[in-house]
């Protein structure tokens, strides 16, 4: 299905990074920048919504950890997996 087939409001604009298979989480991290999670590929990716450019930031093994939900606050990412809350310093961990 292409974007013209969708029945969306005129004010809506679609953006989909071409390398994503299953966007499972979205969180605002800066002005017009979001962090997307692809749980089937194990990727956390920053997307600049103004320029529509994506930058891969983190990879993880999807067999060990599945991100169903993320939250960003004060340079930390919080995620939920198997009834546990995980926290990571997003800007200081190795890429």
PDB file of N, CA and C in Angstrom:
ATOM      1  N   UNK A   1       0.855  -1.175   0.000  1.00  0.00           N
ATOM      2  CA  UNK A   1       0.000   0.000   0.000  1.00  0.00           C
ATOM      3  C   UNK A   1       0.900   1.238   0.000  1.00  0.00           C
ATOM      4  N   UNK A   2       0.684   2.148  -0.909  1.00  0.00           N
ATOM      5  CA  UNK A   2       1.486   3.362  -0.909  1.00  0.00           C
ATOM      6  C   UNK A   2       0.762   4.479  -0.174  1.00  0.00           C
ATOM      7  N   UNK A   3       1.457   5.594  -0.020  1.00  0.00           N
ATOM      8  CA  UNK A   3       0.920   6.687   0.780  1.00  0.00           C
ATOM      9  C   UNK A   3      -0.355   7.266   0.172  1.00  0.00           C
ATOM     10  N   UNK A   4      -0.503   7.240  -1.142  1.00  0.00           N
ATOM     11  CA  UNK A   4      -1.700   7.774  -1.779  1.00  0.00           C
ATOM     12  C   UNK A   4      -2.924   6.918  -1.498  1.00  0.00           C
ATOM     13  N   UNK A   5      -2.736   5.632  -1.190  1.00  0.00           N
ATOM     14  CA  UNK A   5      -3.856   4.751  -0.885  1.00  0.00           C
ATOM     15  C   UNK A   5      -4.433   5.003   0.504  1.00  0.00           C
ATOM     16  N   UNK A   6      -3.667   5.625   1.371  1.00  0.00           N
ATOM     17  CA  UNK A   6      -4.119   5.851   2.739  1.00  0.00           C
ATOM     18  C   UNK A   6      -5.116   6.995   2.795  1.00  0.00           C
ATOM     19  N   UNK A   7      -6.097   6.845   3.639  1.00  0.00           N
ATOM     20  CA  UNK A   7      -7.070   7.904   3.868  1.00  0.00           C
ATOM     21  C   UNK A   7      -6.654   8.656   5.123  1.00  0.00           C
ATOM     22  N   UNK A   8      -5.811   9.675   4.957  1.00  0.00           N
ATOM     23  CA  UNK A   8      -5.315  10.453   6.090  1.00  0.00           C
ATOM     24  C   UNK A   8      -5.733  11.901   5.935  1.00  0.00           C
ATOM     25  N   UNK A   9      -5.686  12.600   7.039  1.00  0.00           N
ATOM     26  CA  UNK A   9      -6.010  14.021   7.024  1.00  0.00           C
ATOM     27  C   UNK A   9      -4.948  14.789   6.243  1.00  0.00           C
ATOM     28  N   UNK A  10      -5.336  15.913   5.682  1.00  0.00           N
ATOM     29  CA  UNK A  10      -4.409  16.715   4.884  1.00  0.00           C
ATOM     30  C   UNK A  10      -3.199  17.191   5.681  1.00  0.00           C
ATOM     31  N   UNK A  11      -3.346  17.364   6.977  1.00  0.00           N
ATOM     32  CA  UNK A  11      -2.246  17.876   7.786  1.00  0.00           C
ATOM     33  C   UNK A  11      -1.267  16.792   8.211  1.00  0.00           C
ATOM     34  N   UNK A  12      -1.542  15.539   7.898  1.00  0.00           N
ATOM     35  CA  UNK A  12      -0.659  14.435   8.284  1.00  0.00           C
ATOM     36  C   UNK A  12       0.366  14.159   7.187  1.00  0.00           C
ATOM     37  N   UNK A  13       1.577  13.826   7.620  1.00  0.00           N
ATOM     38  CA  UNK A  13       2.640  13.475   6.690  1.00  0.00           C
ATOM     39  C   UNK A  13       3.280  12.179   7.177  1.00  0.00           C
ATOM     40  N   UNK A  14       3.455  11.232   6.292  1.00  0.00           N
ATOM     41  CA  UNK A  14       4.043   9.946   6.667  1.00  0.00           C
ATOM     42  C   UNK A  14       5.542   9.949   6.420  1.00  0.00           C
ATOM     43  N   UNK A  15       6.279   9.310   7.316  1.00  0.00           N
ATOM     44  CA  UNK A  15       7.710   9.097   7.134  1.00  0.00           C
ATOM     45  C   UNK A  15       8.025   7.695   7.627  1.00  0.00           C
ATOM     46  N   UNK A  16       8.750   6.941   6.836  1.00  0.00           N
ATOM     47  CA  UNK A  16       9.142   5.596   7.232  1.00  0.00           C
ATOM     48  C   UNK A  16      10.567   5.355   6.782  1.00  0.00           C
ATOM     49  N   UNK A  17      11.481   5.149   7.739  1.00  0.00           N
ATOM     50  CA  UNK A  17      12.856   4.820   7.344  1.00  0.00           C
ATOM     51  C   UNK A  17      12.858   3.549   6.515  1.00  0.00           C
ATOM     52  N   UNK A  18      13.559   3.545   5.418  1.00  0.00           N
ATOM     53  CA  UNK A  18      13.478   2.431   4.477  1.00  0.00           C
ATOM     54  C   UNK A  18      14.040   1.128   5.023  1.00  0.00           C
ATOM     55  N   UNK A  19      14.900   1.171   6.026  1.00  0.00           N
ATOM     56  CA  UNK A  19      15.522  -0.050   6.524  1.00  0.00           C
ATOM     57  C   UNK A  19      14.785  -0.650   7.717  1.00  0.00           C
ATOM     58  N   UNK A  20      13.693  -0.067   8.145  1.00  0.00           N
ATOM     59  CA  UNK A  20      12.939  -0.583   9.285  1.00  0.00           C
ATOM     60  C   UNK A  20      11.958  -1.660   8.845  1.00  0.00           C
ATOM     61  N   UNK A  21      11.836  -2.701   9.668  1.00  0.00           N
ATOM     62  CA  UNK A  21      10.858  -3.750   9.413  1.00  0.00           C
ATOM     63  C   UNK A  21       9.640  -3.616  10.316  1.00  0.00           C
ATOM     64  N   UNK A  22       9.868  -3.296  11.600  1.00  0.00           N
ATOM     65  CA  UNK A  22       8.761  -3.245  12.558  1.00  0.00           C
ATOM     66  C   UNK A  22       9.039  -2.179  13.609  1.00  0.00           C
ATOM     67  N   UNK A  23       8.543  -0.974  13.377  1.00  0.00           N
ATOM     68  CA  UNK A  23       8.710   0.090  14.363  1.00  0.00           C
ATOM     69  C   UNK A  23       7.855  -0.268  15.573  1.00  0.00           C
ATOM     70  N   UNK A  24       8.511  -0.422  16.725  1.00  0.00           N
ATOM     71  CA  UNK A  24       7.790  -0.857  17.917  1.00  0.00           C
ATOM     72  C   UNK A  24       7.729   0.205  19.002  1.00  0.00           C
ATOM     73  N   UNK A  25       8.543   1.252  18.885  1.00  0.00           N
ATOM     74  CA  UNK A  25       8.527   2.295  19.903  1.00  0.00           C
ATOM     75  C   UNK A  25       8.987   3.602  19.279  1.00  0.00           C
ATOM     76  N   UNK A  26       8.474   4.688  19.804  1.00  0.00           N
ATOM     77  CA  UNK A  26       8.801   6.025  19.335  1.00  0.00           C
ATOM     78  C   UNK A  26       8.844   6.935  20.542  1.00  0.00           C
ATOM     79  N   UNK A  27       9.887   7.757  20.630  1.00  0.00           N
ATOM     80  CA  UNK A  27       9.984   8.676  21.754  1.00  0.00           C
ATOM     81  C   UNK A  27      10.683   9.955  21.294  1.00  0.00           C
ATOM     82  N   UNK A  28      10.207  11.082  21.777  1.00  0.00           N
ATOM     83  CA  UNK A  28      10.780  12.389  21.468  1.00  0.00           C
ATOM     84  C   UNK A  28      12.050  12.585  22.289  1.00  0.00           C
ATOM     85  N   UNK A  29      13.165  12.963  21.643  1.00  0.00           N
ATOM     86  CA  UNK A  29      14.401  13.179  22.386  1.00  0.00           C
ATOM     87  C   UNK A  29      14.920  14.604  22.287  1.00  0.00           C
ATOM     88  N   UNK A  30      14.624  15.315  21.208  1.00  0.00           N
ATOM     89  CA  UNK A  30      15.051  16.702  21.022  1.00  0.00           C
ATOM     90  C   UNK A  30      14.034  17.385  20.124  1.00  0.00           C
ATOM     91  N   UNK A  31      14.266  18.680  19.845  1.00  0.00           N
ATOM     92  CA  UNK A  31      13.390  19.388  18.926  1.00  0.00           C
ATOM     93  C   UNK A  31      13.386  18.703  17.570  1.00  0.00           C
ATOM     94  N   UNK A  32      12.232  18.241  17.148  1.00  0.00           N
ATOM     95  CA  UNK A  32      12.026  17.595  15.847  1.00  0.00           C
ATOM     96  C   UNK A  32      12.898  16.365  15.629  1.00  0.00           C
ATOM     97  N   UNK A  33      13.345  15.736  16.705  1.00  0.00           N
ATOM     98  CA  UNK A  33      14.085  14.486  16.602  1.00  0.00           C
ATOM     99  C   UNK A  33      13.429  13.448  17.494  1.00  0.00           C
ATOM    100  N   UNK A  34      13.315  12.237  16.947  1.00  0.00           N
ATOM    101  CA  UNK A  34      12.713  11.138  17.687  1.00  0.00           C
ATOM    102  C   UNK A  34      13.656   9.943  17.658  1.00  0.00           C
ATOM    103  N   UNK A  35      13.448   9.072  18.599  1.00  0.00           N
ATOM    104  CA  UNK A  35      14.178   7.814  18.650  1.00  0.00           C
ATOM    105  C   UNK A  35      13.189   6.712  18.309  1.00  0.00           C
ATOM    106  N   UNK A  36      13.520   5.904  17.295  1.00  0.00           N
ATOM    107  CA  UNK A  36      12.669   4.793  16.883  1.00  0.00           C
ATOM    108  C   UNK A  36      13.334   3.483  17.258  1.00  0.00           C
ATOM    109  N   UNK A  37      12.527   2.512  17.582  1.00  0.00           N
ATOM    110  CA  UNK A  37      13.014   1.178  17.893  1.00  0.00           C
ATOM    111  C   UNK A  37      12.421   0.209  16.884  1.00  0.00           C
ATOM    112  N   UNK A  38      13.262  -0.648  16.338  1.00  0.00           N
ATOM    113  CA  UNK A  38      12.817  -1.726  15.457  1.00  0.00           C
ATOM    114  C   UNK A  38      13.078  -3.028  16.190  1.00  0.00           C
ATOM    115  N   UNK A  39      12.027  -3.619  16.753  1.00  0.00           N
ATOM    116  CA  UNK A  39      12.237  -4.793  17.597  1.00  0.00           C
ATOM    117  C   UNK A  39      12.559  -6.047  16.797  1.00  0.00           C
ATOM    118  N   UNK A  40      12.269  -6.081  15.520  1.00  0.00           N
ATOM    119  CA  UNK A  40      12.605  -7.268  14.743  1.00  0.00           C
ATOM    120  C   UNK A  40      14.057  -7.263  14.269  1.00  0.00           C
ATOM    121  N   UNK A  41      14.673  -6.091  14.193  1.00  0.00           N
ATOM    122  CA  UNK A  41      16.076  -5.983  13.772  1.00  0.00           C
ATOM    123  C   UNK A  41      17.022  -5.612  14.906  1.00  0.00           C
ATOM    124  N   UNK A  42      16.479  -5.189  16.031  1.00  0.00           N
ATOM    125  CA  UNK A  42      17.321  -4.829  17.165  1.00  0.00           C
ATOM    126  C   UNK A  42      18.069  -3.529  16.949  1.00  0.00           C
ATOM    127  N   UNK A  43      17.339  -2.469  16.599  1.00  0.00           N
ATOM    128  CA  UNK A  43      17.972  -1.185  16.322  1.00  0.00           C
ATOM    129  C   UNK A  43      17.260  -0.056  17.039  1.00  0.00           C
ATOM    130  N   UNK A  44      18.058   0.855  17.594  1.00  0.00           N
ATOM    131  CA  UNK A  44      17.569   2.140  18.067  1.00  0.00           C
ATOM    132  C   UNK A  44      18.146   3.182  17.118  1.00  0.00           C
ATOM    133  N   UNK A  45      17.281   3.994  16.532  1.00  0.00           N
ATOM    134  CA  UNK A  45      17.700   4.922  15.493  1.00  0.00           C
ATOM    135  C   UNK A  45      17.133   6.298  15.757  1.00  0.00           C
ATOM    136  N   UNK A  46      17.989   7.328  15.669  1.00  0.00           N
ATOM    137  CA  UNK A  46      17.530   8.708  15.776  1.00  0.00           C
ATOM    138  C   UNK A  46      17.077   9.172  14.404  1.00  0.00           C
ATOM    139  N   UNK A  47      15.941   9.860  14.367  1.00  0.00           N
ATOM    140  CA  UNK A  47      15.416  10.387  13.120  1.00  0.00           C
ATOM    141  C   UNK A  47      15.176  11.884  13.278  1.00  0.00           C
ATOM    142  N   UNK A  48      15.750  12.663  12.366  1.00  0.00           N
ATOM    143  CA  UNK A  48      15.493  14.098  12.293  1.00  0.00           C
ATOM    144  C   UNK A  48      14.280  14.274  11.390  1.00  0.00           C
ATOM    145  N   UNK A  49      13.179  14.721  11.949  1.00  0.00           N
ATOM    146  CA  UNK A  49      11.941  14.817  11.188  1.00  0.00           C
ATOM    147  C   UNK A  49      11.953  15.961  10.179  1.00  0.00           C
ATOM    148  N   UNK A  50      12.790  16.981  10.393  1.00  0.00           N
ATOM    149  CA  UNK A  50      12.879  18.081   9.430  1.00  0.00           C
ATOM    150  C   UNK A  50      13.572  17.638   8.149  1.00  0.00           C
ATOM    151  N   UNK A  51      14.716  16.977   8.293  1.00  0.00           N
ATOM    152  CA  UNK A  51      15.489  16.564   7.117  1.00  0.00           C
ATOM    153  C   UNK A  51      15.166  15.134   6.675  1.00  0.00           C
ATOM    154  N   UNK A  52      14.385  14.409   7.491  1.00  0.00           N
ATOM    155  CA  UNK A  52      14.035  13.009   7.244  1.00  0.00           C
ATOM    156  C   UNK A  52      15.276  12.136   7.075  1.00  0.00           C
ATOM    157  N   UNK A  53      16.250  12.370   7.940  1.00  0.00           N
ATOM    158  CA  UNK A  53      17.456  11.548   7.945  1.00  0.00           C
ATOM    159  C   UNK A  53      17.482  10.711   9.214  1.00  0.00           C
ATOM    160  N   UNK A  54      18.015   9.516   9.078  1.00  0.00           N
ATOM    161  CA  UNK A  54      18.070   8.575  10.199  1.00  0.00           C
ATOM    162  C   UNK A  54      19.523   8.235  10.495  1.00  0.00           C
ATOM    163  N   UNK A  55      19.842   8.114  11.788  1.00  0.00           N
ATOM    164  CA  UNK A  55      21.182   7.760  12.230  1.00  0.00           C
ATOM    165  C   UNK A  55      21.080   6.592  13.201  1.00  0.00           C
ATOM    166  N   UNK A  56      21.664   5.459  12.829  1.00  0.00           N
ATOM    167  CA  UNK A  56      21.673   4.297  13.714  1.00  0.00           C
ATOM    168  C   UNK A  56      22.513   4.610  14.943  1.00  0.00           C
ATOM    169  N   UNK A  57      21.949   4.416  16.121  1.00  0.00           N
ATOM    170  CA  UNK A  57      22.657   4.730  17.359  1.00  0.00           C
ATOM    171  C   UNK A  57      23.060   3.496  18.152  1.00  0.00           C
ATOM    172  N   UNK A  58      22.200   2.525  18.247  1.00  0.00           N
ATOM    173  CA  UNK A  58      22.474   1.339  19.062  1.00  0.00           C
ATOM    174  C   UNK A  58      21.931   0.096  18.372  1.00  0.00           C
ATOM    175  N   UNK A  59      22.632  -1.012  18.568  1.00  0.00           N
ATOM    176  CA  UNK A  59      22.148  -2.323  18.124  1.00  0.00           C
ATOM    177  C   UNK A  59      22.070  -3.219  19.345  1.00  0.00           C
ATOM    178  N   UNK A  60      21.146  -4.135  19.319  1.00  0.00           N
ATOM    179  CA  UNK A  60      21.041  -5.111  20.403  1.00  0.00           C
ATOM    180  C   UNK A  60      20.592  -6.431  19.803  1.00  0.00           C
ATOM    181  N   UNK A  61      20.827  -7.507  20.527  1.00  0.00           N
ATOM    182  CA  UNK A  61      20.454  -8.840  20.068  1.00  0.00           C
ATOM    183  C   UNK A  61      18.986  -9.078  20.391  1.00  0.00           C
ATOM    184  N   UNK A  62      18.166  -9.220  19.371  1.00  0.00           N
ATOM    185  CA  UNK A  62      16.727  -9.384  19.590  1.00  0.00           C
ATOM    186  C   UNK A  62      16.380 -10.696  20.271  1.00  0.00           C
ATOM    187  N   UNK A  63      17.288 -11.658  20.281  1.00  0.00           N
ATOM    188  CA  UNK A  63      17.028 -12.910  20.987  1.00  0.00           C
ATOM    189  C   UNK A  63      17.214 -12.765  22.496  1.00  0.00           C
ATOM    190  N   UNK A  64      17.970 -11.759  22.914  1.00  0.00           N
ATOM    191  CA  UNK A  64      18.224 -11.534  24.339  1.00  0.00           C
ATOM    192  C   UNK A  64      17.331 -10.456  24.934  1.00  0.00           C
ATOM    193  N   UNK A  65      16.902  -9.510  24.108  1.00  0.00           N
ATOM    194  CA  UNK A  65      16.212  -8.341  24.624  1.00  0.00           C
ATOM    195  C   UNK A  65      15.257  -7.816  23.564  1.00  0.00           C
ATOM    196  N   UNK A  66      13.991  -7.701  23.907  1.00  0.00           N
ATOM    197  CA  UNK A  66      12.989  -7.169  22.994  1.00  0.00           C
ATOM    198  C   UNK A  66      12.439  -5.885  23.604  1.00  0.00           C
ATOM    199  N   UNK A  67      12.537  -4.808  22.881  1.00  0.00           N
ATOM    200  CA  UNK A  67      12.042  -3.534  23.375  1.00  0.00           C
ATOM    201  C   UNK A  67      10.615  -3.345  22.905  1.00  0.00           C
ATOM    202  N   UNK A  68       9.696  -3.329  23.842  1.00  0.00           N
ATOM    203  CA  UNK A  68       8.297  -3.081  23.517  1.00  0.00           C
ATOM    204  C   UNK A  68       7.898  -1.645  23.841  1.00  0.00           C
ATOM    205  N   UNK A  69       8.657  -1.006  24.701  1.00  0.00           N
ATOM    206  CA  UNK A  69       8.328   0.342  25.112  1.00  0.00           C
ATOM    207  C   UNK A  69       9.593   1.045  25.567  1.00  0.00           C
ATOM    208  N   UNK A  70       9.746   2.300  25.170  1.00  0.00           N
ATOM    209  CA  UNK A  70      10.884   3.089  25.635  1.00  0.00           C
ATOM    210  C   UNK A  70      10.403   4.465  26.063  1.00  0.00           C
ATOM    211  N   UNK A  71      11.183   5.059  26.940  1.00  0.00           N
ATOM    212  CA  UNK A  71      10.925   6.408  27.415  1.00  0.00           C
ATOM    213  C   UNK A  71      12.268   7.116  27.504  1.00  0.00           C
ATOM    214  N   UNK A  72      12.316   8.369  27.106  1.00  0.00           N
ATOM    215  CA  UNK A  72      13.553   9.143  27.184  1.00  0.00           C
ATOM    216  C   UNK A  72      13.329  10.295  28.140  1.00  0.00           C
ATOM    217  N   UNK A  73      14.263  10.458  29.089  1.00  0.00           N
ATOM    218  CA  UNK A  73      14.179  11.580  30.022  1.00  0.00           C
ATOM    219  C   UNK A  73      15.572  11.929  30.514  1.00  0.00           C
ATOM    220  N   UNK A  74      15.965  13.180  30.337  1.00  0.00           N
ATOM    221  CA  UNK A  74      17.205  13.713  30.887  1.00  0.00           C
ATOM    222  C   UNK A  74      18.423  12.849  30.513  1.00  0.00           C
ATOM    223  N   UNK A  75      18.562  12.547  29.237  1.00  0.00           N
ATOM    224  CA  UNK A  75      19.675  11.771  28.666  1.00  0.00           C
ATOM    225  C   UNK A  75      19.655  10.283  29.021  1.00  0.00           C
ATOM    226  N   UNK A  76      18.584   9.810  29.591  1.00  0.00           N
ATOM    227  CA  UNK A  76      18.474   8.389  29.926  1.00  0.00           C
ATOM    228  C   UNK A  76      17.329   7.759  29.138  1.00  0.00           C
ATOM    229  N   UNK A  77      17.516   6.514  28.753  1.00  0.00           N
ATOM    230  CA  UNK A  77      16.469   5.742  28.110  1.00  0.00           C
ATOM    231  C   UNK A  77      16.001   4.685  29.093  1.00  0.00           C
ATOM    232  N   UNK A  78      14.696   4.629  29.270  1.00  0.00           N
ATOM    233  CA  UNK A  78      14.075   3.625  30.118  1.00  0.00           C
ATOM    234  C   UNK A  78      13.305   2.688  29.201  1.00  0.00           C
ATOM    235  N   UNK A  79      13.441   1.400  29.440  1.00  0.00           N
ATOM    236  CA  UNK A  79      12.707   0.426  28.634  1.00  0.00           C
ATOM    237  C   UNK A  79      12.122  -0.644  29.545  1.00  0.00           C
ATOM    238  N   UNK A  80      11.114  -1.308  29.022  1.00  0.00           N
ATOM    239  CA  UNK A  80      10.414  -2.343  29.776  1.00  0.00           C
ATOM    240  C   UNK A  80      10.577  -3.665  29.042  1.00  0.00           C
ATOM    241  N   UNK A  81      10.946  -4.689  29.799  1.00  0.00           N
ATOM    242  CA  UNK A  81      11.071  -6.037  29.247  1.00  0.00           C
ATOM    243  C   UNK A  81      10.858  -7.046  30.363  1.00  0.00           C
ATOM    244  N   UNK A  82       9.916  -7.942  30.168  1.00  0.00           N
ATOM    245  CA  UNK A  82       9.613  -8.997  31.144  1.00  0.00           C
ATOM    246  C   UNK A  82       9.409  -8.460  32.564  1.00  0.00           C
ATOM    247  N   UNK A  83       8.575  -7.468  32.686  1.00  0.00           N
ATOM    248  CA  UNK A  83       8.227  -6.853  33.973  1.00  0.00           C
ATOM    249  C   UNK A  83       9.398  -6.238  34.712  1.00  0.00           C
ATOM    250  N   UNK A  84      10.457  -5.913  34.003  1.00  0.00           N
ATOM    251  CA  UNK A  84      11.585  -5.187  34.572  1.00  0.00           C
ATOM    252  C   UNK A  84      11.744  -3.868  33.831  1.00  0.00           C
ATOM    253  N   UNK A  85      12.190  -2.853  34.532  1.00  0.00           N
ATOM    254  CA  UNK A  85      12.486  -1.563  33.928  1.00  0.00           C
ATOM    255  C   UNK A  85      13.997  -1.436  33.844  1.00  0.00           C
ATOM    256  N   UNK A  86      14.498  -1.176  32.649  1.00  0.00           N
ATOM    257  CA  UNK A  86      15.930  -1.021  32.417  1.00  0.00           C
ATOM    258  C   UNK A  86      16.232   0.437  32.130  1.00  0.00           C
ATOM    259  N   UNK A  87      17.386   0.902  32.584  1.00  0.00           N
ATOM    260  CA  UNK A  87      17.796   2.282  32.345  1.00  0.00           C
ATOM    261  C   UNK A  87      19.202   2.282  31.758  1.00  0.00           C
ATOM    262  N   UNK A  88      19.415   3.171  30.803  1.00  0.00           N
ATOM    263  CA  UNK A  88      20.732   3.300  30.182  1.00  0.00           C
ATOM    264  C   UNK A  88      21.013   4.775  29.939  1.00  0.00           C
ATOM    265  N   UNK A  89      22.246   5.181  30.185  1.00  0.00           N
ATOM    266  CA  UNK A  89      22.680   6.541  29.881  1.00  0.00           C
ATOM    267  C   UNK A  89      22.878   6.599  28.368  1.00  0.00           C
ATOM    268  N   UNK A  90      21.949   7.201  27.674  1.00  0.00           N
ATOM    269  CA  UNK A  90      21.895   7.123  26.220  1.00  0.00           C
ATOM    270  C   UNK A  90      23.103   7.772  25.527  1.00  0.00           C
ATOM    271  N   UNK A  91      23.562   8.890  26.016  1.00  0.00           N
ATOM    272  CA  UNK A  91      24.614   9.626  25.315  1.00  0.00           C
ATOM    273  C   UNK A  91      26.029   9.228  25.710  1.00  0.00           C
ATOM    274  N   UNK A  92      26.231   8.415  26.734  1.00  0.00           N
ATOM    275  CA  UNK A  92      27.584   8.075  27.118  1.00  0.00           C
ATOM    276  C   UNK A  92      27.946   6.632  26.858  1.00  0.00           C
ATOM    277  N   UNK A  93      26.964   5.779  26.539  1.00  0.00           N
ATOM    278  CA  UNK A  93      27.281   4.390  26.230  1.00  0.00           C
ATOM    279  C   UNK A  93      27.920   4.299  24.853  1.00  0.00           C
ATOM    280  N   UNK A  94      28.725   3.255  24.657  1.00  0.00           N
ATOM    281  CA  UNK A  94      29.354   3.038  23.358  1.00  0.00           C
ATOM    282  C   UNK A  94      28.301   2.741  22.314  1.00  0.00           C
ATOM    283  N   UNK A  95      28.513   3.272  21.104  1.00  0.00           N
ATOM    284  CA  UNK A  95      27.570   3.043  20.002  1.00  0.00           C
ATOM    285  C   UNK A  95      27.765   1.699  19.395  1.00  0.00           C
TER     286      UNK A  95
END
